[in-house]
Amino acid sequence: MKREVNLDWVKGLEFAGNIDGHTITIDVDEANGGTNKGVRPKPLMMLALAGCTGIDVVSILKKMRIDLDGLSIKVEGSIQDEFPKAFESMHVIYTFKGKNLDREKLEKAVTLSKEQYCGVSATLKKAIELTYEIRVDEQLG
């Protein structure tokens, strides 16, 4: 199976990307020669990781009949100071919201995502350190 995305230069350092019919703008801030009209490539990588694992985790928990009130995923990245300023590591923090959530099932869903299902995670862990953390925000009824 092959995947394909398209990226077209607009002007300056602004690009228009097309992913499955959806447009995304990529740019840099004014201090770096851009016009700040879009997202930066490195944070986009972090968002891809969050999105991939988030889809997995919600799908797995649904099959386990776990009802969430919410899920927030934060990805913290550590980037080298020297060029090419590559990522050294990423830390994924899952904050689950809901009542009487089964922590064991939450942990199982996260483990299945990171070890078996998330292709972004599988790709990144070949190059950088990936760590994970689970937090639970119990909603008061």
N, C-alpha and C. Protein backbone atom coordinates (compact mmCIF):
# COMPACT_ATOMS: atom_id res chain seq x y z
N MET A 1 0.84 -1.18 0.00
CA MET A 1 0.00 0.00 0.00
C MET A 1 0.89 1.24 0.00
N LYS A 2 0.56 2.18 -0.82
CA LYS A 2 1.28 3.44 -0.87
C LYS A 2 0.37 4.57 -0.43
N ARG A 3 0.97 5.59 0.16
CA ARG A 3 0.25 6.82 0.52
C ARG A 3 0.91 7.95 -0.23
N GLU A 4 0.15 8.99 -0.49
CA GLU A 4 0.68 10.14 -1.21
C GLU A 4 0.05 11.41 -0.69
N VAL A 5 0.86 12.43 -0.54
CA VAL A 5 0.38 13.77 -0.23
C VAL A 5 0.99 14.71 -1.26
N ASN A 6 0.38 15.85 -1.45
CA ASN A 6 0.91 16.84 -2.39
C ASN A 6 1.12 18.16 -1.67
N LEU A 7 2.19 18.83 -2.02
CA LEU A 7 2.53 20.11 -1.41
C LEU A 7 2.92 21.07 -2.53
N ASP A 8 2.27 22.23 -2.56
CA ASP A 8 2.57 23.24 -3.57
C ASP A 8 3.03 24.53 -2.89
N TRP A 9 4.09 25.10 -3.43
CA TRP A 9 4.60 26.36 -2.93
C TRP A 9 3.63 27.47 -3.32
N VAL A 10 3.25 28.30 -2.35
CA VAL A 10 2.33 29.41 -2.60
C VAL A 10 3.14 30.67 -2.87
N LYS A 11 3.89 31.12 -1.85
CA LYS A 11 4.80 32.28 -1.97
C LYS A 11 5.60 32.37 -0.70
N GLY A 12 6.70 33.09 -0.75
CA GLY A 12 7.54 33.20 0.44
C GLY A 12 7.92 31.82 0.93
N LEU A 13 7.59 31.52 2.16
CA LEU A 13 7.83 30.19 2.73
C LEU A 13 6.51 29.47 3.02
N GLU A 14 5.45 29.93 2.37
CA GLU A 14 4.11 29.35 2.56
C GLU A 14 3.87 28.25 1.51
N PHE A 15 3.34 27.13 1.99
CA PHE A 15 3.00 26.01 1.13
C PHE A 15 1.57 25.57 1.40
N ALA A 16 0.90 25.04 0.39
CA ALA A 16 -0.43 24.47 0.55
C ALA A 16 -0.31 22.96 0.35
N GLY A 17 -0.68 22.23 1.37
CA GLY A 17 -0.62 20.78 1.30
C GLY A 17 -2.00 20.21 1.08
N ASN A 18 -2.04 19.08 0.37
CA ASN A 18 -3.31 18.39 0.16
C ASN A 18 -3.16 16.97 0.64
N ILE A 19 -4.01 16.61 1.59
CA ILE A 19 -4.02 15.26 2.14
C ILE A 19 -5.44 14.73 2.01
N ASP A 20 -5.63 13.77 1.14
CA ASP A 20 -6.95 13.15 0.94
C ASP A 20 -8.05 14.17 0.70
N GLY A 21 -7.75 15.22 -0.06
CA GLY A 21 -8.75 16.23 -0.38
C GLY A 21 -8.88 17.33 0.65
N HIS A 22 -8.09 17.28 1.71
CA HIS A 22 -8.11 18.31 2.75
C HIS A 22 -6.87 19.18 2.60
N THR A 23 -7.07 20.49 2.68
CA THR A 23 -5.95 21.41 2.51
C THR A 23 -5.42 21.85 3.86
N ILE A 24 -4.11 21.91 3.95
CA ILE A 24 -3.45 22.41 5.15
C ILE A 24 -2.36 23.37 4.71
N THR A 25 -2.23 24.48 5.41
CA THR A 25 -1.21 25.47 5.09
C THR A 25 -0.02 25.28 6.01
N ILE A 26 1.17 25.29 5.41
CA ILE A 26 2.42 25.18 6.16
C ILE A 26 3.20 26.47 5.92
N ASP A 27 3.72 27.04 6.99
CA ASP A 27 4.47 28.29 6.90
C ASP A 27 5.35 28.40 8.15
N VAL A 28 6.14 29.44 8.21
CA VAL A 28 6.92 29.75 9.40
C VAL A 28 6.58 31.17 9.85
N ASP A 29 7.03 31.52 11.04
CA ASP A 29 6.71 32.86 11.55
C ASP A 29 7.56 33.93 10.87
N GLU A 30 7.20 35.17 11.13
CA GLU A 30 7.87 36.31 10.50
C GLU A 30 9.37 36.36 10.85
N ALA A 31 9.71 35.99 12.08
CA ALA A 31 11.11 36.02 12.51
C ALA A 31 11.99 35.09 11.68
N ASN A 32 11.37 34.08 11.08
CA ASN A 32 12.13 33.12 10.28
C ASN A 32 11.86 33.27 8.78
N GLY A 33 11.27 34.39 8.38
CA GLY A 33 11.09 34.68 6.97
C GLY A 33 9.75 34.33 6.38
N GLY A 34 8.82 33.87 7.21
CA GLY A 34 7.49 33.52 6.72
C GLY A 34 6.46 34.59 7.03
N THR A 35 5.21 34.22 6.88
CA THR A 35 4.11 35.15 7.18
C THR A 35 3.15 34.60 8.22
N ASN A 36 3.52 33.48 8.86
CA ASN A 36 2.74 32.88 9.94
C ASN A 36 1.31 32.52 9.52
N LYS A 37 1.14 32.06 8.29
CA LYS A 37 -0.19 31.70 7.79
C LYS A 37 -0.54 30.23 7.98
N GLY A 38 0.38 29.46 8.55
CA GLY A 38 0.09 28.04 8.69
C GLY A 38 0.91 27.39 9.78
N VAL A 39 0.75 26.10 9.88
CA VAL A 39 1.44 25.31 10.91
C VAL A 39 2.88 25.05 10.49
N ARG A 40 3.70 24.75 11.48
CA ARG A 40 5.09 24.41 11.24
C ARG A 40 5.19 22.89 11.04
N PRO A 41 6.17 22.44 10.26
CA PRO A 41 6.29 21.00 9.99
C PRO A 41 6.54 20.14 11.22
N LYS A 42 7.41 20.56 12.14
CA LYS A 42 7.73 19.72 13.29
C LYS A 42 6.52 19.53 14.21
N PRO A 43 5.78 20.59 14.58
CA PRO A 43 4.58 20.37 15.37
C PRO A 43 3.54 19.52 14.63
N LEU A 44 3.54 19.59 13.31
CA LEU A 44 2.62 18.77 12.53
C LEU A 44 2.95 17.28 12.71
N MET A 45 4.25 16.96 12.84
CA MET A 45 4.64 15.58 13.14
C MET A 45 4.09 15.14 14.49
N MET A 46 4.17 16.05 15.45
CA MET A 46 3.68 15.75 16.79
C MET A 46 2.17 15.54 16.77
N LEU A 47 1.47 16.37 15.99
CA LEU A 47 0.02 16.24 15.87
C LEU A 47 -0.36 14.93 15.17
N ALA A 48 0.44 14.52 14.19
CA ALA A 48 0.19 13.24 13.52
C ALA A 48 0.28 12.09 14.51
N LEU A 49 1.26 12.14 15.41
CA LEU A 49 1.38 11.10 16.44
C LEU A 49 0.16 11.12 17.35
N ALA A 50 -0.24 12.31 17.81
CA ALA A 50 -1.40 12.42 18.70
C ALA A 50 -2.66 11.92 18.01
N GLY A 51 -2.85 12.29 16.76
CA GLY A 51 -4.04 11.87 16.03
C GLY A 51 -4.08 10.37 15.80
N CYS A 52 -2.96 9.80 15.43
CA CYS A 52 -2.90 8.36 15.16
C CYS A 52 -3.22 7.55 16.42
N THR A 53 -2.55 7.87 17.50
CA THR A 53 -2.78 7.12 18.73
C THR A 53 -4.16 7.42 19.31
N GLY A 54 -4.64 8.65 19.15
CA GLY A 54 -5.97 9.00 19.65
C GLY A 54 -7.06 8.20 18.97
N ILE A 55 -6.98 8.08 17.66
CA ILE A 55 -7.96 7.28 16.91
C ILE A 55 -7.93 5.83 17.39
N ASP A 56 -6.73 5.29 17.55
CA ASP A 56 -6.60 3.91 18.03
C ASP A 56 -7.24 3.74 19.40
N VAL A 57 -6.85 4.60 20.33
CA VAL A 57 -7.28 4.46 21.73
C VAL A 57 -8.79 4.58 21.85
N VAL A 58 -9.39 5.56 21.19
CA VAL A 58 -10.85 5.71 21.26
C VAL A 58 -11.55 4.50 20.65
N SER A 59 -11.03 4.01 19.52
CA SER A 59 -11.63 2.83 18.88
C SER A 59 -11.54 1.60 19.77
N ILE A 60 -10.38 1.40 20.38
CA ILE A 60 -10.19 0.24 21.26
C ILE A 60 -11.09 0.34 22.48
N LEU A 61 -11.16 1.52 23.10
CA LEU A 61 -12.01 1.68 24.28
C LEU A 61 -13.48 1.50 23.95
N LYS A 62 -13.88 1.90 22.77
CA LYS A 62 -15.27 1.70 22.34
C LYS A 62 -15.58 0.21 22.28
N LYS A 63 -14.65 -0.57 21.73
CA LYS A 63 -14.83 -2.03 21.68
C LYS A 63 -14.86 -2.65 23.07
N MET A 64 -14.17 -2.02 24.02
CA MET A 64 -14.16 -2.49 25.41
C MET A 64 -15.37 -1.97 26.19
N ARG A 65 -16.21 -1.21 25.51
CA ARG A 65 -17.41 -0.60 26.11
C ARG A 65 -17.08 0.35 27.25
N ILE A 66 -16.01 1.11 27.06
CA ILE A 66 -15.63 2.15 28.01
C ILE A 66 -16.16 3.48 27.47
N ASP A 67 -16.99 4.15 28.26
CA ASP A 67 -17.57 5.43 27.86
C ASP A 67 -16.72 6.58 28.39
N LEU A 68 -16.14 7.31 27.48
CA LEU A 68 -15.35 8.48 27.85
C LEU A 68 -16.20 9.73 27.75
N ASP A 69 -15.93 10.68 28.64
CA ASP A 69 -16.51 12.01 28.50
C ASP A 69 -15.57 12.90 27.69
N GLY A 70 -14.30 12.52 27.65
CA GLY A 70 -13.34 13.30 26.89
C GLY A 70 -11.97 12.65 26.90
N LEU A 71 -11.17 13.04 25.95
CA LEU A 71 -9.78 12.60 25.86
C LEU A 71 -8.97 13.75 25.27
N SER A 72 -7.93 14.13 25.98
CA SER A 72 -6.97 15.12 25.47
C SER A 72 -5.62 14.45 25.38
N ILE A 73 -4.93 14.71 24.28
CA ILE A 73 -3.60 14.13 24.10
C ILE A 73 -2.63 15.27 23.85
N LYS A 74 -1.63 15.36 24.71
CA LYS A 74 -0.58 16.36 24.55
C LYS A 74 0.70 15.62 24.18
N VAL A 75 1.43 16.15 23.21
CA VAL A 75 2.73 15.58 22.85
C VAL A 75 3.78 16.65 23.09
N GLU A 76 4.74 16.31 23.94
CA GLU A 76 5.86 17.21 24.22
C GLU A 76 7.08 16.68 23.48
N GLY A 77 7.73 17.54 22.72
CA GLY A 77 8.89 17.10 21.95
C GLY A 77 10.15 17.79 22.41
N SER A 78 11.24 17.04 22.43
CA SER A 78 12.55 17.59 22.75
C SER A 78 13.34 17.63 21.44
N ILE A 79 13.81 18.83 21.09
CA ILE A 79 14.48 19.05 19.82
C ILE A 79 15.93 19.46 20.07
N GLN A 80 16.83 18.93 19.25
CA GLN A 80 18.24 19.28 19.36
C GLN A 80 18.44 20.78 19.14
N ASP A 81 19.44 21.34 19.80
CA ASP A 81 19.76 22.75 19.64
C ASP A 81 20.47 23.04 18.32
N GLU A 82 21.23 22.08 17.84
CA GLU A 82 22.02 22.25 16.62
C GLU A 82 21.26 21.75 15.40
N PHE A 83 21.59 22.30 14.24
CA PHE A 83 20.98 21.85 12.99
C PHE A 83 21.35 20.41 12.71
N PRO A 84 20.42 19.61 12.27
CA PRO A 84 19.14 19.96 11.67
C PRO A 84 18.01 20.15 12.67
N LYS A 85 18.33 20.31 13.95
CA LYS A 85 17.33 20.53 14.99
C LYS A 85 16.25 19.45 14.95
N ALA A 86 16.72 18.22 14.91
CA ALA A 86 15.83 17.05 14.85
C ALA A 86 15.27 16.73 16.23
N PHE A 87 14.16 16.01 16.23
CA PHE A 87 13.60 15.54 17.49
C PHE A 87 14.55 14.52 18.12
N GLU A 88 14.70 14.62 19.43
CA GLU A 88 15.43 13.61 20.21
C GLU A 88 14.44 12.66 20.87
N SER A 89 13.29 13.22 21.26
CA SER A 89 12.29 12.40 21.94
C SER A 89 10.93 13.09 21.87
N MET A 90 9.89 12.28 22.13
CA MET A 90 8.53 12.80 22.28
C MET A 90 7.89 12.08 23.46
N HIS A 91 7.12 12.83 24.21
CA HIS A 91 6.40 12.30 25.37
C HIS A 91 4.91 12.54 25.15
N VAL A 92 4.13 11.47 25.16
CA VAL A 92 2.70 11.54 24.90
C VAL A 92 1.95 11.45 26.23
N ILE A 93 1.10 12.46 26.48
CA ILE A 93 0.32 12.49 27.72
C ILE A 93 -1.16 12.38 27.35
N TYR A 94 -1.78 11.30 27.80
CA TYR A 94 -3.21 11.07 27.58
C TYR A 94 -3.94 11.51 28.84
N THR A 95 -4.92 12.39 28.72
CA THR A 95 -5.77 12.75 29.85
C THR A 95 -7.18 12.31 29.52
N PHE A 96 -7.59 11.25 30.20
CA PHE A 96 -8.93 10.69 30.00
C PHE A 96 -9.89 11.36 30.97
N LYS A 97 -11.10 11.67 30.49
CA LYS A 97 -12.12 12.28 31.34
C LYS A 97 -13.34 11.37 31.35
N GLY A 98 -13.87 11.16 32.55
CA GLY A 98 -15.06 10.34 32.68
C GLY A 98 -15.25 9.87 34.11
N LYS A 99 -16.32 9.16 34.31
CA LYS A 99 -16.67 8.65 35.64
C LYS A 99 -16.34 7.17 35.70
N ASN A 100 -15.73 6.76 36.82
CA ASN A 100 -15.44 5.35 37.09
C ASN A 100 -14.70 4.67 35.94
N LEU A 101 -13.70 5.34 35.40
CA LEU A 101 -12.93 4.75 34.31
C LEU A 101 -12.01 3.65 34.84
N ASP A 102 -11.95 2.55 34.11
CA ASP A 102 -11.13 1.40 34.47
C ASP A 102 -9.70 1.68 33.98
N ARG A 103 -8.83 2.02 34.90
CA ARG A 103 -7.45 2.40 34.53
C ARG A 103 -6.73 1.27 33.80
N GLU A 104 -6.99 0.06 34.19
CA GLU A 104 -6.34 -1.09 33.54
C GLU A 104 -6.71 -1.14 32.05
N LYS A 105 -7.96 -0.88 31.73
CA LYS A 105 -8.40 -0.88 30.33
C LYS A 105 -7.83 0.32 29.57
N LEU A 106 -7.71 1.46 30.23
CA LEU A 106 -7.09 2.62 29.61
C LEU A 106 -5.65 2.31 29.25
N GLU A 107 -4.93 1.71 30.19
CA GLU A 107 -3.54 1.34 29.96
C GLU A 107 -3.41 0.32 28.84
N LYS A 108 -4.33 -0.64 28.78
CA LYS A 108 -4.30 -1.65 27.72
C LYS A 108 -4.52 -1.01 26.36
N ALA A 109 -5.45 -0.08 26.27
CA ALA A 109 -5.73 0.60 25.00
C ALA A 109 -4.51 1.39 24.53
N VAL A 110 -3.86 2.09 25.45
CA VAL A 110 -2.66 2.87 25.10
C VAL A 110 -1.54 1.93 24.66
N THR A 111 -1.35 0.84 25.38
CA THR A 111 -0.31 -0.13 25.04
C THR A 111 -0.56 -0.75 23.67
N LEU A 112 -1.79 -1.12 23.39
CA LEU A 112 -2.10 -1.69 22.07
C LEU A 112 -1.82 -0.68 20.96
N SER A 113 -2.16 0.57 21.19
CA SER A 113 -1.90 1.60 20.19
C SER A 113 -0.40 1.74 19.94
N LYS A 114 0.35 1.91 21.01
CA LYS A 114 1.78 2.19 20.83
C LYS A 114 2.58 0.98 20.37
N GLU A 115 2.13 -0.24 20.69
CA GLU A 115 2.91 -1.42 20.35
C GLU A 115 2.40 -2.17 19.13
N GLN A 116 1.15 -1.94 18.74
CA GLN A 116 0.59 -2.76 17.67
C GLN A 116 -0.08 -1.98 16.54
N TYR A 117 -0.79 -0.89 16.83
CA TYR A 117 -1.65 -0.28 15.82
C TYR A 117 -1.17 1.04 15.23
N CYS A 118 -0.56 1.90 15.99
CA CYS A 118 -0.24 3.25 15.50
C CYS A 118 1.00 3.24 14.61
N GLY A 119 0.78 3.43 13.33
CA GLY A 119 1.88 3.45 12.38
C GLY A 119 2.82 4.63 12.56
N VAL A 120 2.29 5.76 13.01
CA VAL A 120 3.14 6.93 13.24
C VAL A 120 4.09 6.63 14.41
N SER A 121 3.56 6.07 15.47
CA SER A 121 4.38 5.70 16.62
C SER A 121 5.44 4.68 16.21
N ALA A 122 5.04 3.67 15.44
CA ALA A 122 5.99 2.64 15.00
C ALA A 122 7.12 3.23 14.19
N THR A 123 6.81 4.21 13.37
CA THR A 123 7.83 4.86 12.54
C THR A 123 8.75 5.73 13.39
N LEU A 124 8.17 6.54 14.26
CA LEU A 124 8.97 7.46 15.08
C LEU A 124 9.87 6.73 16.07
N LYS A 125 9.38 5.63 16.65
CA LYS A 125 10.19 4.96 17.68
C LYS A 125 11.44 4.31 17.11
N LYS A 126 11.52 4.20 15.79
CA LYS A 126 12.76 3.71 15.16
C LYS A 126 13.83 4.80 15.18
N ALA A 127 13.42 6.05 15.34
CA ALA A 127 14.35 7.17 15.24
C ALA A 127 14.56 7.92 16.55
N ILE A 128 13.53 7.95 17.41
CA ILE A 128 13.63 8.74 18.64
C ILE A 128 13.02 7.97 19.81
N GLU A 129 13.26 8.48 21.00
CA GLU A 129 12.67 7.90 22.20
C GLU A 129 11.22 8.39 22.32
N LEU A 130 10.29 7.44 22.49
CA LEU A 130 8.88 7.77 22.72
C LEU A 130 8.50 7.28 24.10
N THR A 131 7.92 8.18 24.90
CA THR A 131 7.44 7.79 26.23
C THR A 131 5.97 8.19 26.34
N TYR A 132 5.28 7.57 27.28
CA TYR A 132 3.84 7.74 27.42
C TYR A 132 3.46 7.91 28.88
N GLU A 133 2.37 8.64 29.09
CA GLU A 133 1.85 8.88 30.44
C GLU A 133 0.33 8.92 30.36
N ILE A 134 -0.30 8.33 31.36
CA ILE A 134 -1.77 8.33 31.42
C ILE A 134 -2.22 9.11 32.64
N ARG A 135 -3.16 10.03 32.43
CA ARG A 135 -3.76 10.78 33.52
C ARG A 135 -5.28 10.58 33.43
N VAL A 136 -5.93 10.55 34.56
CA VAL A 136 -7.37 10.38 34.60
C VAL A 136 -7.98 11.55 35.35
N ASP A 137 -8.92 12.23 34.71
CA ASP A 137 -9.66 13.33 35.32
C ASP A 137 -11.06 12.81 35.59
N GLU A 138 -11.28 12.35 36.82
CA GLU A 138 -12.59 11.80 37.20
C GLU A 138 -13.59 12.95 37.31
N GLN A 139 -14.62 12.88 36.54
CA GLN A 139 -15.67 13.90 36.57
C GLN A 139 -16.58 13.66 37.77
N LEU A 140 -16.94 14.74 38.41
CA LEU A 140 -17.86 14.63 39.53
C LEU A 140 -19.28 14.62 39.03
N GLY A 141 -20.10 13.71 39.56
CA GLY A 141 -21.48 13.59 39.10
C GLY A 141 -22.35 14.36 39.91
